[in-house]
Amino acid sequence: MPVGFLGLGIMGRQMAGVLLKKGVDLVVWNRSVKATEPLVAMGARAAKSPAEVVDACETTHVMLADPVASLAVVFGAGGVLESTRRGYAYIDHSTIDEATGEKIFKGLHQHGAKFLHA
């Protein structure tokens, strides 16, 4: 099963690139589609939404810029919660505060998903 990656800024792009170099089957998404292009050239598959990434993967790494972006990606239209299911794992590397992490945890937990803020 592939691994997902949401958020391909400076840090996310580097982390996703390492996964690809290690042979991980990767599905990626970014608000700016252009950011996915170098990773697609390396073998990743680009998704049209965070929900599409979650649908294709059992585990997703997330590297977003701030709490506003994190909440939008999880709770917004086409967001993570639209496809979250029991056993799914959300590994958050984003720069978020404790309150945002708690909101995301509760949303995922209601669907039986796991949350790790790394």
PDB file of N, CA and C in Angstrom:
ATOM      1  N   MET A   1       0.851  -1.184   0.000  1.00  0.00           N
ATOM      2  CA  MET A   1       0.000   0.000   0.000  1.00  0.00           C
ATOM      3  C   MET A   1       0.887   1.234   0.000  1.00  0.00           C
ATOM      4  N   PRO A   2       0.539   2.225  -0.803  1.00  0.00           N
ATOM      5  CA  PRO A   2       1.352   3.449  -0.855  1.00  0.00           C
ATOM      6  C   PRO A   2       1.241   4.273   0.433  1.00  0.00           C
ATOM      7  N   VAL A   3       2.163   5.192   0.568  1.00  0.00           N
ATOM      8  CA  VAL A   3       2.191   6.149   1.674  1.00  0.00           C
ATOM      9  C   VAL A   3       1.825   7.504   1.099  1.00  0.00           C
ATOM     10  N   GLY A   4       1.083   8.302   1.864  1.00  0.00           N
ATOM     11  CA  GLY A   4       0.702   9.633   1.419  1.00  0.00           C
ATOM     12  C   GLY A   4       1.606  10.704   1.994  1.00  0.00           C
ATOM     13  N   PHE A   5       1.655  11.837   1.293  1.00  0.00           N
ATOM     14  CA  PHE A   5       2.385  13.005   1.792  1.00  0.00           C
ATOM     15  C   PHE A   5       1.627  14.253   1.383  1.00  0.00           C
ATOM     16  N   LEU A   6       1.227  15.047   2.383  1.00  0.00           N
ATOM     17  CA  LEU A   6       0.507  16.305   2.173  1.00  0.00           C
ATOM     18  C   LEU A   6       1.394  17.463   2.589  1.00  0.00           C
ATOM     19  N   GLY A   7       1.597  18.416   1.703  1.00  0.00           N
ATOM     20  CA  GLY A   7       2.395  19.597   2.022  1.00  0.00           C
ATOM     21  C   GLY A   7       3.810  19.451   1.509  1.00  0.00           C
ATOM     22  N   LEU A   8       4.108  20.116   0.396  1.00  0.00           N
ATOM     23  CA  LEU A   8       5.394  19.937  -0.270  1.00  0.00           C
ATOM     24  C   LEU A   8       6.168  21.237  -0.366  1.00  0.00           C
ATOM     25  N   GLY A   9       6.231  21.940   0.748  1.00  0.00           N
ATOM     26  CA  GLY A   9       7.075  23.128   0.826  1.00  0.00           C
ATOM     27  C   GLY A   9       8.534  22.696   0.950  1.00  0.00           C
ATOM     28  N   ILE A  10       9.371  23.537   1.464  1.00  0.00           N
ATOM     29  CA  ILE A  10      10.801  23.253   1.554  1.00  0.00           C
ATOM     30  C   ILE A  10      11.070  21.952   2.317  1.00  0.00           C
ATOM     31  N   MET A  11      10.499  21.813   3.498  1.00  0.00           N
ATOM     32  CA  MET A  11      10.728  20.607   4.310  1.00  0.00           C
ATOM     33  C   MET A  11       9.988  19.397   3.754  1.00  0.00           C
ATOM     34  N   GLY A  12       8.715  19.562   3.413  1.00  0.00           N
ATOM     35  CA  GLY A  12       7.917  18.449   2.921  1.00  0.00           C
ATOM     36  C   GLY A  12       8.470  17.852   1.642  1.00  0.00           C
ATOM     37  N   ARG A  13       8.902  18.702   0.736  1.00  0.00           N
ATOM     38  CA  ARG A  13       9.470  18.230  -0.528  1.00  0.00           C
ATOM     39  C   ARG A  13      10.712  17.375  -0.272  1.00  0.00           C
ATOM     40  N   GLN A  14      11.551  17.818   0.664  1.00  0.00           N
ATOM     41  CA  GLN A  14      12.766  17.063   0.995  1.00  0.00           C
ATOM     42  C   GLN A  14      12.428  15.720   1.631  1.00  0.00           C
ATOM     43  N   MET A  15      11.491  15.720   2.557  1.00  0.00           N
ATOM     44  CA  MET A  15      11.104  14.477   3.226  1.00  0.00           C
ATOM     45  C   MET A  15      10.480  13.496   2.237  1.00  0.00           C
ATOM     46  N   ALA A  16       9.597  13.984   1.389  1.00  0.00           N
ATOM     47  CA  ALA A  16       8.965  13.127   0.389  1.00  0.00           C
ATOM     48  C   ALA A  16      10.011  12.586  -0.586  1.00  0.00           C
ATOM     49  N   GLY A  17      10.969  13.406  -0.947  1.00  0.00           N
ATOM     50  CA  GLY A  17      12.032  12.969  -1.847  1.00  0.00           C
ATOM     51  C   GLY A  17      12.859  11.833  -1.267  1.00  0.00           C
ATOM     52  N   VAL A  18      13.146  11.903   0.020  1.00  0.00           N
ATOM     53  CA  VAL A  18      13.892  10.824   0.682  1.00  0.00           C
ATOM     54  C   VAL A  18      13.085   9.527   0.634  1.00  0.00           C
ATOM     55  N   LEU A  19      11.789   9.609   0.904  1.00  0.00           N
ATOM     56  CA  LEU A  19      10.940   8.414   0.839  1.00  0.00           C
ATOM     57  C   LEU A  19      10.973   7.795  -0.558  1.00  0.00           C
ATOM     58  N   LEU A  20      10.871   8.636  -1.578  1.00  0.00           N
ATOM     59  CA  LEU A  20      10.925   8.133  -2.954  1.00  0.00           C
ATOM     60  C   LEU A  20      12.272   7.473  -3.253  1.00  0.00           C
ATOM     61  N   LYS A  21      13.353   8.090  -2.819  1.00  0.00           N
ATOM     62  CA  LYS A  21      14.684   7.527  -3.060  1.00  0.00           C
ATOM     63  C   LYS A  21      14.864   6.178  -2.362  1.00  0.00           C
ATOM     64  N   LYS A  22      14.125   5.960  -1.281  1.00  0.00           N
ATOM     65  CA  LYS A  22      14.178   4.694  -0.549  1.00  0.00           C
ATOM     66  C   LYS A  22      13.225   3.659  -1.136  1.00  0.00           C
ATOM     67  N   GLY A  23      12.530   4.025  -2.219  1.00  0.00           N
ATOM     68  CA  GLY A  23      11.657   3.075  -2.894  1.00  0.00           C
ATOM     69  C   GLY A  23      10.221   3.029  -2.402  1.00  0.00           C
ATOM     70  N   VAL A  24       9.827   4.003  -1.600  1.00  0.00           N
ATOM     71  CA  VAL A  24       8.457   4.039  -1.091  1.00  0.00           C
ATOM     72  C   VAL A  24       7.502   4.460  -2.210  1.00  0.00           C
ATOM     73  N   ASP A  25       6.402   3.738  -2.342  1.00  0.00           N
ATOM     74  CA  ASP A  25       5.328   4.090  -3.275  1.00  0.00           C
ATOM     75  C   ASP A  25       4.590   5.278  -2.656  1.00  0.00           C
ATOM     76  N   LEU A  26       4.673   6.457  -3.265  1.00  0.00           N
ATOM     77  CA  LEU A  26       4.211   7.692  -2.642  1.00  0.00           C
ATOM     78  C   LEU A  26       3.114   8.375  -3.451  1.00  0.00           C
ATOM     79  N   VAL A  27       2.083   8.822  -2.731  1.00  0.00           N
ATOM     80  CA  VAL A  27       1.009   9.629  -3.315  1.00  0.00           C
ATOM     81  C   VAL A  27       1.095  10.992  -2.654  1.00  0.00           C
ATOM     82  N   VAL A  28       1.193  12.066  -3.452  1.00  0.00           N
ATOM     83  CA  VAL A  28       1.446  13.405  -2.919  1.00  0.00           C
ATOM     84  C   VAL A  28       0.332  14.380  -3.278  1.00  0.00           C
ATOM     85  N   TRP A  29       0.208  15.417  -2.453  1.00  0.00           N
ATOM     86  CA  TRP A  29      -0.723  16.518  -2.710  1.00  0.00           C
ATOM     87  C   TRP A  29      -0.118  17.785  -2.132  1.00  0.00           C
ATOM     88  N   ASN A  30      -0.378  18.886  -2.821  1.00  0.00           N
ATOM     89  CA  ASN A  30       0.014  20.203  -2.332  1.00  0.00           C
ATOM     90  C   ASN A  30      -0.995  21.224  -2.852  1.00  0.00           C
ATOM     91  N   ARG A  31      -1.210  22.288  -2.086  1.00  0.00           N
ATOM     92  CA  ARG A  31      -2.149  23.329  -2.544  1.00  0.00           C
ATOM     93  C   ARG A  31      -1.745  23.875  -3.903  1.00  0.00           C
ATOM     94  N   SER A  32      -0.448  24.035  -4.116  1.00  0.00           N
ATOM     95  CA  SER A  32       0.078  24.458  -5.414  1.00  0.00           C
ATOM     96  C   SER A  32       0.502  23.195  -6.167  1.00  0.00           C
ATOM     97  N   VAL A  33      -0.216  22.864  -7.227  1.00  0.00           N
ATOM     98  CA  VAL A  33       0.052  21.641  -7.987  1.00  0.00           C
ATOM     99  C   VAL A  33       1.485  21.611  -8.512  1.00  0.00           C
ATOM    100  N   LYS A  34       2.015  22.764  -8.843  1.00  0.00           N
ATOM    101  CA  LYS A  34       3.375  22.850  -9.388  1.00  0.00           C
ATOM    102  C   LYS A  34       4.400  22.210  -8.442  1.00  0.00           C
ATOM    103  N   ALA A  35       4.162  22.287  -7.148  1.00  0.00           N
ATOM    104  CA  ALA A  35       5.093  21.707  -6.170  1.00  0.00           C
ATOM    105  C   ALA A  35       5.155  20.183  -6.254  1.00  0.00           C
ATOM    106  N   THR A  36       4.134  19.551  -6.824  1.00  0.00           N
ATOM    107  CA  THR A  36       4.146  18.093  -6.947  1.00  0.00           C
ATOM    108  C   THR A  36       5.003  17.621  -8.127  1.00  0.00           C
ATOM    109  N   GLU A  37       5.218  18.475  -9.099  1.00  0.00           N
ATOM    110  CA  GLU A  37       5.859  18.072 -10.357  1.00  0.00           C
ATOM    111  C   GLU A  37       7.234  17.418 -10.193  1.00  0.00           C
ATOM    112  N   PRO A  38       8.156  17.976  -9.385  1.00  0.00           N
ATOM    113  CA  PRO A  38       9.463  17.310  -9.243  1.00  0.00           C
ATOM    114  C   PRO A  38       9.344  15.913  -8.635  1.00  0.00           C
ATOM    115  N   LEU A  39       8.395  15.730  -7.721  1.00  0.00           N
ATOM    116  CA  LEU A  39       8.224  14.425  -7.088  1.00  0.00           C
ATOM    117  C   LEU A  39       7.563  13.437  -8.035  1.00  0.00           C
ATOM    118  N   VAL A  40       6.638  13.915  -8.849  1.00  0.00           N
ATOM    119  CA  VAL A  40       6.031  13.055  -9.869  1.00  0.00           C
ATOM    120  C   VAL A  40       7.114  12.597 -10.852  1.00  0.00           C
ATOM    121  N   ALA A  41       8.033  13.496 -11.189  1.00  0.00           N
ATOM    122  CA  ALA A  41       9.137  13.132 -12.079  1.00  0.00           C
ATOM    123  C   ALA A  41      10.032  12.053 -11.459  1.00  0.00           C
ATOM    124  N   MET A  42      10.032  11.976 -10.124  1.00  0.00           N
ATOM    125  CA  MET A  42      10.826  10.958  -9.413  1.00  0.00           C
ATOM    126  C   MET A  42      10.040   9.659  -9.208  1.00  0.00           C
ATOM    127  N   GLY A  43       8.741   9.672  -9.554  1.00  0.00           N
ATOM    128  CA  GLY A  43       7.953   8.448  -9.427  1.00  0.00           C
ATOM    129  C   GLY A  43       6.729   8.530  -8.540  1.00  0.00           C
ATOM    130  N   ALA A  44       6.501   9.654  -7.889  1.00  0.00           N
ATOM    131  CA  ALA A  44       5.299   9.798  -7.051  1.00  0.00           C
ATOM    132  C   ALA A  44       4.063   9.945  -7.932  1.00  0.00           C
ATOM    133  N   ARG A  45       2.915   9.675  -7.345  1.00  0.00           N
ATOM    134  CA  ARG A  45       1.636   9.939  -8.004  1.00  0.00           C
ATOM    135  C   ARG A  45       1.010  11.155  -7.337  1.00  0.00           C
ATOM    136  N   ALA A  46       0.495  12.076  -8.120  1.00  0.00           N
ATOM    137  CA  ALA A  46      -0.143  13.283  -7.589  1.00  0.00           C
ATOM    138  C   ALA A  46      -1.640  13.035  -7.427  1.00  0.00           C
ATOM    139  N   ALA A  47      -2.180  13.484  -6.292  1.00  0.00           N
ATOM    140  CA  ALA A  47      -3.615  13.400  -6.028  1.00  0.00           C
ATOM    141  C   ALA A  47      -4.225  14.782  -6.193  1.00  0.00           C
ATOM    142  N   LYS A  48      -5.531  14.816  -6.415  1.00  0.00           N
ATOM    143  CA  LYS A  48      -6.230  16.082  -6.609  1.00  0.00           C
ATOM    144  C   LYS A  48      -6.707  16.711  -5.311  1.00  0.00           C
ATOM    145  N   SER A  49      -6.696  15.933  -4.213  1.00  0.00           N
ATOM    146  CA  SER A  49      -7.158  16.462  -2.926  1.00  0.00           C
ATOM    147  C   SER A  49      -6.539  15.645  -1.796  1.00  0.00           C
ATOM    148  N   PRO A  50      -6.541  16.195  -0.575  1.00  0.00           N
ATOM    149  CA  PRO A  50      -6.103  15.398   0.570  1.00  0.00           C
ATOM    150  C   PRO A  50      -6.955  14.134   0.743  1.00  0.00           C
ATOM    151  N   ALA A  51      -8.263  14.241   0.490  1.00  0.00           N
ATOM    152  CA  ALA A  51      -9.140  13.073   0.616  1.00  0.00           C
ATOM    153  C   ALA A  51      -8.711  11.964  -0.337  1.00  0.00           C
ATOM    154  N   GLU A  52      -8.280  12.316  -1.531  1.00  0.00           N
ATOM    155  CA  GLU A  52      -7.825  11.322  -2.506  1.00  0.00           C
ATOM    156  C   GLU A  52      -6.550  10.626  -2.025  1.00  0.00           C
ATOM    157  N   VAL A  53      -5.671  11.372  -1.377  1.00  0.00           N
ATOM    158  CA  VAL A  53      -4.457  10.769  -0.804  1.00  0.00           C
ATOM    159  C   VAL A  53      -4.852   9.767   0.274  1.00  0.00           C
ATOM    160  N   VAL A  54      -5.709  10.177   1.187  1.00  0.00           N
ATOM    161  CA  VAL A  54      -6.133   9.314   2.289  1.00  0.00           C
ATOM    162  C   VAL A  54      -6.820   8.067   1.753  1.00  0.00           C
ATOM    163  N   ASP A  55      -7.616   8.229   0.726  1.00  0.00           N
ATOM    164  CA  ASP A  55      -8.315   7.104   0.111  1.00  0.00           C
ATOM    165  C   ASP A  55      -7.346   6.048  -0.411  1.00  0.00           C
ATOM    166  N   ALA A  56      -6.187   6.489  -0.903  1.00  0.00           N
ATOM    167  CA  ALA A  56      -5.209   5.588  -1.514  1.00  0.00           C
ATOM    168  C   ALA A  56      -4.200   5.005  -0.528  1.00  0.00           C
ATOM    169  N   CYS A  57      -4.147   5.553   0.685  1.00  0.00           N
ATOM    170  CA  CYS A  57      -3.071   5.209   1.620  1.00  0.00           C
ATOM    171  C   CYS A  57      -3.596   4.833   3.003  1.00  0.00           C
ATOM    172  N   GLU A  58      -2.827   4.019   3.711  1.00  0.00           N
ATOM    173  CA  GLU A  58      -3.154   3.705   5.105  1.00  0.00           C
ATOM    174  C   GLU A  58      -2.444   4.655   6.067  1.00  0.00           C
ATOM    175  N   THR A  59      -1.368   5.283   5.583  1.00  0.00           N
ATOM    176  CA  THR A  59      -0.577   6.213   6.388  1.00  0.00           C
ATOM    177  C   THR A  59      -0.265   7.440   5.547  1.00  0.00           C
ATOM    178  N   THR A  60      -0.393   8.609   6.169  1.00  0.00           N
ATOM    179  CA  THR A  60      -0.072   9.853   5.485  1.00  0.00           C
ATOM    180  C   THR A  60       0.809  10.713   6.377  1.00  0.00           C
ATOM    181  N   HIS A  61       1.897  11.207   5.807  1.00  0.00           N
ATOM    182  CA  HIS A  61       2.745  12.197   6.478  1.00  0.00           C
ATOM    183  C   HIS A  61       2.244  13.574   6.056  1.00  0.00           C
ATOM    184  N   VAL A  62       2.254  14.508   6.995  1.00  0.00           N
ATOM    185  CA  VAL A  62       1.725  15.843   6.729  1.00  0.00           C
ATOM    186  C   VAL A  62       2.736  16.879   7.197  1.00  0.00           C
ATOM    187  N   MET A  63       3.067  17.820   6.307  1.00  0.00           N
ATOM    188  CA  MET A  63       4.025  18.884   6.623  1.00  0.00           C
ATOM    189  C   MET A  63       3.451  20.196   6.094  1.00  0.00           C
ATOM    190  N   LEU A  64       2.639  20.844   6.928  1.00  0.00           N
ATOM    191  CA  LEU A  64       1.976  22.080   6.514  1.00  0.00           C
ATOM    192  C   LEU A  64       2.535  23.267   7.270  1.00  0.00           C
ATOM    193  N   ALA A  65       2.302  24.450   6.720  1.00  0.00           N
ATOM    194  CA  ALA A  65       2.969  25.664   7.204  1.00  0.00           C
ATOM    195  C   ALA A  65       2.497  26.161   8.564  1.00  0.00           C
ATOM    196  N   ASP A  66       1.205  26.002   8.846  1.00  0.00           N
ATOM    197  CA  ASP A  66       0.673  26.623  10.060  1.00  0.00           C
ATOM    198  C   ASP A  66      -0.673  26.007  10.447  1.00  0.00           C
ATOM    199  N   PRO A  67      -1.225  26.403  11.596  1.00  0.00           N
ATOM    200  CA  PRO A  67      -2.502  25.848  12.038  1.00  0.00           C
ATOM    201  C   PRO A  67      -3.650  26.074  11.056  1.00  0.00           C
ATOM    202  N   VAL A  68      -3.702  27.229  10.414  1.00  0.00           N
ATOM    203  CA  VAL A  68      -4.791  27.517   9.474  1.00  0.00           C
ATOM    204  C   VAL A  68      -4.771  26.510   8.324  1.00  0.00           C
ATOM    205  N   ALA A  69      -3.610  26.280   7.747  1.00  0.00           N
ATOM    206  CA  ALA A  69      -3.479  25.312   6.653  1.00  0.00           C
ATOM    207  C   ALA A  69      -3.812  23.907   7.138  1.00  0.00           C
ATOM    208  N   SER A  70      -3.346  23.559   8.324  1.00  0.00           N
ATOM    209  CA  SER A  70      -3.597  22.222   8.871  1.00  0.00           C
ATOM    210  C   SER A  70      -5.082  21.965   9.068  1.00  0.00           C
ATOM    211  N   LEU A  71      -5.780  22.916   9.639  1.00  0.00           N
ATOM    212  CA  LEU A  71      -7.219  22.742   9.868  1.00  0.00           C
ATOM    213  C   LEU A  71      -7.984  22.664   8.548  1.00  0.00           C
ATOM    214  N   ALA A  72      -7.591  23.464   7.570  1.00  0.00           N
ATOM    215  CA  ALA A  72      -8.261  23.443   6.270  1.00  0.00           C
ATOM    216  C   ALA A  72      -8.061  22.098   5.569  1.00  0.00           C
ATOM    217  N   VAL A  73      -6.871  21.547   5.647  1.00  0.00           N
ATOM    218  CA  VAL A  73      -6.574  20.277   4.982  1.00  0.00           C
ATOM    219  C   VAL A  73      -7.330  19.118   5.643  1.00  0.00           C
ATOM    220  N   VAL A  74      -7.534  19.185   6.924  1.00  0.00           N
ATOM    221  CA  VAL A  74      -8.246  18.110   7.623  1.00  0.00           C
ATOM    222  C   VAL A  74      -9.759  18.275   7.523  1.00  0.00           C
ATOM    223  N   PHE A  75     -10.264  19.478   7.828  1.00  0.00           N
ATOM    224  CA  PHE A  75     -11.708  19.682   7.979  1.00  0.00           C
ATOM    225  C   PHE A  75     -12.389  20.300   6.756  1.00  0.00           C
ATOM    226  N   GLY A  76     -11.636  20.838   5.812  1.00  0.00           N
ATOM    227  CA  GLY A  76     -12.215  21.525   4.657  1.00  0.00           C
ATOM    228  C   GLY A  76     -12.756  20.584   3.600  1.00  0.00           C
ATOM    229  N   ALA A  77     -13.346  21.179   2.570  1.00  0.00           N
ATOM    230  CA  ALA A  77     -13.871  20.411   1.433  1.00  0.00           C
ATOM    231  C   ALA A  77     -12.739  19.638   0.769  1.00  0.00           C
ATOM    232  N   GLY A  78     -12.969  18.363   0.503  1.00  0.00           N
ATOM    233  CA  GLY A  78     -11.925  17.521  -0.075  1.00  0.00           C
ATOM    234  C   GLY A  78     -10.833  17.181   0.913  1.00  0.00           C
ATOM    235  N   GLY A  79     -11.114  17.403   2.190  1.00  0.00           N
ATOM    236  CA  GLY A  79     -10.112  17.221   3.229  1.00  0.00           C
ATOM    237  C   GLY A  79      -9.951  15.789   3.710  1.00  0.00           C
ATOM    238  N   VAL A  80      -9.011  15.633   4.597  1.00  0.00           N
ATOM    239  CA  VAL A  80      -8.635  14.330   5.142  1.00  0.00           C
ATOM    240  C   VAL A  80      -9.839  13.579   5.716  1.00  0.00           C
ATOM    241  N   LEU A  81     -10.687  14.258   6.462  1.00  0.00           N
ATOM    242  CA  LEU A  81     -11.791  13.565   7.129  1.00  0.00           C
ATOM    243  C   LEU A  81     -12.808  12.965   6.164  1.00  0.00           C
ATOM    244  N   GLU A  82     -12.848  13.428   4.940  1.00  0.00           N
ATOM    245  CA  GLU A  82     -13.791  12.867   3.966  1.00  0.00           C
ATOM    246  C   GLU A  82     -13.471  11.410   3.639  1.00  0.00           C
ATOM    247  N   SER A  83     -12.220  10.995   3.816  1.00  0.00           N
ATOM    248  CA  SER A  83     -11.833   9.620   3.490  1.00  0.00           C
ATOM    249  C   SER A  83     -11.247   8.852   4.670  1.00  0.00           C
ATOM    250  N   THR A  84     -11.186   9.471   5.835  1.00  0.00           N
ATOM    251  CA  THR A  84     -10.594   8.821   7.001  1.00  0.00           C
ATOM    252  C   THR A  84     -11.432   7.618   7.423  1.00  0.00           C
ATOM    253  N   ARG A  85     -10.740   6.587   7.864  1.00  0.00           N
ATOM    254  CA  ARG A  85     -11.396   5.348   8.278  1.00  0.00           C
ATOM    255  C   ARG A  85     -10.642   4.722   9.447  1.00  0.00           C
ATOM    256  N   ARG A  86     -11.241   3.708  10.040  1.00  0.00           N
ATOM    257  CA  ARG A  86     -10.638   2.992  11.162  1.00  0.00           C
ATOM    258  C   ARG A  86      -9.283   2.424  10.727  1.00  0.00           C
ATOM    259  N   GLY A  87      -8.266   2.652  11.566  1.00  0.00           N
ATOM    260  CA  GLY A  87      -6.935   2.130  11.308  1.00  0.00           C
ATOM    261  C   GLY A  87      -6.017   3.037  10.509  1.00  0.00           C
ATOM    262  N   TYR A  88      -6.565   4.061   9.867  1.00  0.00           N
ATOM    263  CA  TYR A  88      -5.754   5.017   9.105  1.00  0.00           C
ATOM    264  C   TYR A  88      -4.828   5.770  10.064  1.00  0.00           C
ATOM    265  N   ALA A  89      -3.606   6.082   9.631  1.00  0.00           N
ATOM    266  CA  ALA A  89      -2.631   6.800  10.464  1.00  0.00           C
ATOM    267  C   ALA A  89      -2.235   8.123   9.828  1.00  0.00           C
ATOM    268  N   TYR A  90      -2.327   9.189  10.610  1.00  0.00           N
ATOM    269  CA  TYR A  90      -2.012  10.564  10.201  1.00  0.00           C
ATOM    270  C   TYR A  90      -0.801  11.002  11.014  1.00  0.00           C
ATOM    271  N   ILE A  91       0.333  11.174  10.368  1.00  0.00           N
ATOM    272  CA  ILE A  91       1.567  11.574  11.047  1.00  0.00           C
ATOM    273  C   ILE A  91       1.846  13.023  10.697  1.00  0.00           C
ATOM    274  N   ASP A  92       1.706  13.888  11.689  1.00  0.00           N
ATOM    275  CA  ASP A  92       1.765  15.331  11.458  1.00  0.00           C
ATOM    276  C   ASP A  92       3.117  15.903  11.864  1.00  0.00           C
ATOM    277  N   HIS A  93       3.844  16.405  10.898  1.00  0.00           N
ATOM    278  CA  HIS A  93       5.139  17.056  11.114  1.00  0.00           C
ATOM    279  C   HIS A  93       4.998  18.583  11.047  1.00  0.00           C
ATOM    280  N   SER A  94       3.780  19.065  10.945  1.00  0.00           N
ATOM    281  CA  SER A  94       3.516  20.495  10.752  1.00  0.00           C
ATOM    282  C   SER A  94       3.865  21.310  11.987  1.00  0.00           C
ATOM    283  N   THR A  95       4.023  22.611  11.769  1.00  0.00           N
ATOM    284  CA  THR A  95       4.242  23.536  12.867  1.00  0.00           C
ATOM    285  C   THR A  95       2.872  24.006  13.350  1.00  0.00           C
ATOM    286  N   ILE A  96       2.347  23.303  14.354  1.00  0.00           N
ATOM    287  CA  ILE A  96       1.028  23.651  14.891  1.00  0.00           C
ATOM    288  C   ILE A  96       1.094  23.733  16.409  1.00  0.00           C
ATOM    289  N   ASP A  97       0.142  24.448  16.976  1.00  0.00           N
ATOM    290  CA  ASP A  97       0.064  24.579  18.420  1.00  0.00           C
ATOM    291  C   ASP A  97      -0.724  23.405  19.006  1.00  0.00           C
ATOM    292  N   GLU A  98      -0.693  23.295  20.311  1.00  0.00           N
ATOM    293  CA  GLU A  98      -1.350  22.179  20.997  1.00  0.00           C
ATOM    294  C   GLU A  98      -2.856  22.142  20.735  1.00  0.00           C
ATOM    295  N   ALA A  99      -3.511  23.301  20.729  1.00  0.00           N
ATOM    296  CA  ALA A  99      -4.964  23.344  20.513  1.00  0.00           C
ATOM    297  C   ALA A  99      -5.326  22.825  19.118  1.00  0.00           C
ATOM    298  N   THR A 100      -4.542  23.181  18.120  1.00  0.00           N
ATOM    299  CA  THR A 100      -4.795  22.694  16.764  1.00  0.00           C
ATOM    300  C   THR A 100      -4.581  21.185  16.698  1.00  0.00           C
ATOM    301  N   GLY A 101      -3.519  20.716  17.300  1.00  0.00           N
ATOM    302  CA  GLY A 101      -3.258  19.279  17.341  1.00  0.00           C
ATOM    303  C   GLY A 101      -4.390  18.519  18.002  1.00  0.00           C
ATOM    304  N   GLU A 102      -4.934  19.074  19.066  1.00  0.00           N
ATOM    305  CA  GLU A 102      -6.051  18.445  19.778  1.00  0.00           C
ATOM    306  C   GLU A 102      -7.302  18.381  18.899  1.00  0.00           C
ATOM    307  N   LYS A 103      -7.587  19.445  18.154  1.00  0.00           N
ATOM    308  CA  LYS A 103      -8.746  19.447  17.238  1.00  0.00           C
ATOM    309  C   LYS A 103      -8.593  18.377  16.164  1.00  0.00           C
ATOM    310  N   ILE A 104      -7.409  18.305  15.598  1.00  0.00           N
ATOM    311  CA  ILE A 104      -7.153  17.311  14.548  1.00  0.00           C
ATOM    312  C   ILE A 104      -7.258  15.902  15.134  1.00  0.00           C
ATOM    313  N   PHE A 105      -6.657  15.696  16.294  1.00  0.00           N
ATOM    314  CA  PHE A 105      -6.748  14.390  16.957  1.00  0.00           C
ATOM    315  C   PHE A 105      -8.204  13.973  17.157  1.00  0.00           C
ATOM    316  N   LYS A 106      -9.018  14.868  17.686  1.00  0.00           N
ATOM    317  CA  LYS A 106     -10.427  14.536  17.958  1.00  0.00           C
ATOM    318  C   LYS A 106     -11.174  14.201  16.668  1.00  0.00           C
ATOM    319  N   GLY A 107     -10.934  14.974  15.616  1.00  0.00           N
ATOM    320  CA  GLY A 107     -11.594  14.705  14.348  1.00  0.00           C
ATOM    321  C   GLY A 107     -11.216  13.338  13.797  1.00  0.00           C
ATOM    322  N   LEU A 108      -9.961  13.004  13.829  1.00  0.00           N
ATOM    323  CA  LEU A 108      -9.494  11.717  13.336  1.00  0.00           C
ATOM    324  C   LEU A 108      -9.966  10.572  14.230  1.00  0.00           C
ATOM    325  N   HIS A 109      -9.883  10.786  15.524  1.00  0.00           N
ATOM    326  CA  HIS A 109     -10.269   9.752  16.497  1.00  0.00           C
ATOM    327  C   HIS A 109     -11.743   9.350  16.341  1.00  0.00           C
ATOM    328  N   GLN A 110     -12.606  10.302  16.009  1.00  0.00           N
ATOM    329  CA  GLN A 110     -14.024  10.004  15.809  1.00  0.00           C
ATOM    330  C   GLN A 110     -14.241   9.018  14.661  1.00  0.00           C
ATOM    331  N   HIS A 111     -13.274   8.928  13.764  1.00  0.00           N
ATOM    332  CA  HIS A 111     -13.356   8.001  12.621  1.00  0.00           C
ATOM    333  C   HIS A 111     -12.535   6.734  12.855  1.00  0.00           C
ATOM    334  N   GLY A 112     -11.959   6.608  14.060  1.00  0.00           N
ATOM    335  CA  GLY A 112     -11.158   5.428  14.376  1.00  0.00           C
ATOM    336  C   GLY A 112      -9.741   5.493  13.849  1.00  0.00           C
ATOM    337  N   ALA A 113      -9.298   6.692  13.474  1.00  0.00           N
ATOM    338  CA  ALA A 113      -7.948   6.863  12.923  1.00  0.00           C
ATOM    339  C   ALA A 113      -6.952   7.182  14.029  1.00  0.00           C
ATOM    340  N   LYS A 114      -5.681   7.001  13.704  1.00  0.00           N
ATOM    341  CA  LYS A 114      -4.583   7.283  14.644  1.00  0.00           C
ATOM    342  C   LYS A 114      -3.928   8.611  14.270  1.00  0.00           C
ATOM    343  N   PHE A 115      -3.455   9.333  15.301  1.00  0.00           N
ATOM    344  CA  PHE A 115      -2.824  10.637  15.087  1.00  0.00           C
ATOM    345  C   PHE A 115      -1.499  10.660  15.854  1.00  0.00           C
ATOM    346  N   LEU A 116      -0.446  11.045  15.164  1.00  0.00           N
ATOM    347  CA  LEU A 116       0.851  11.249  15.800  1.00  0.00           C
ATOM    348  C   LEU A 116       1.362  12.611  15.380  1.00  0.00           C
ATOM    349  N   HIS A 117       1.667  13.464  16.362  1.00  0.00           N
ATOM    350  CA  HIS A 117       2.306  14.749  16.056  1.00  0.00           C
ATOM    351  C   HIS A 117       3.794  14.560  16.309  1.00  0.00           C
ATOM    352  N   ALA A 118       4.543  14.474  15.218  1.00  0.00           N
ATOM    353  CA  ALA A 118       5.978  14.168  15.321  1.00  0.00           C
ATOM    354  C   ALA A 118       6.821  15.427  15.244  1.00  0.00           C
TER     355      ALA A 118
END
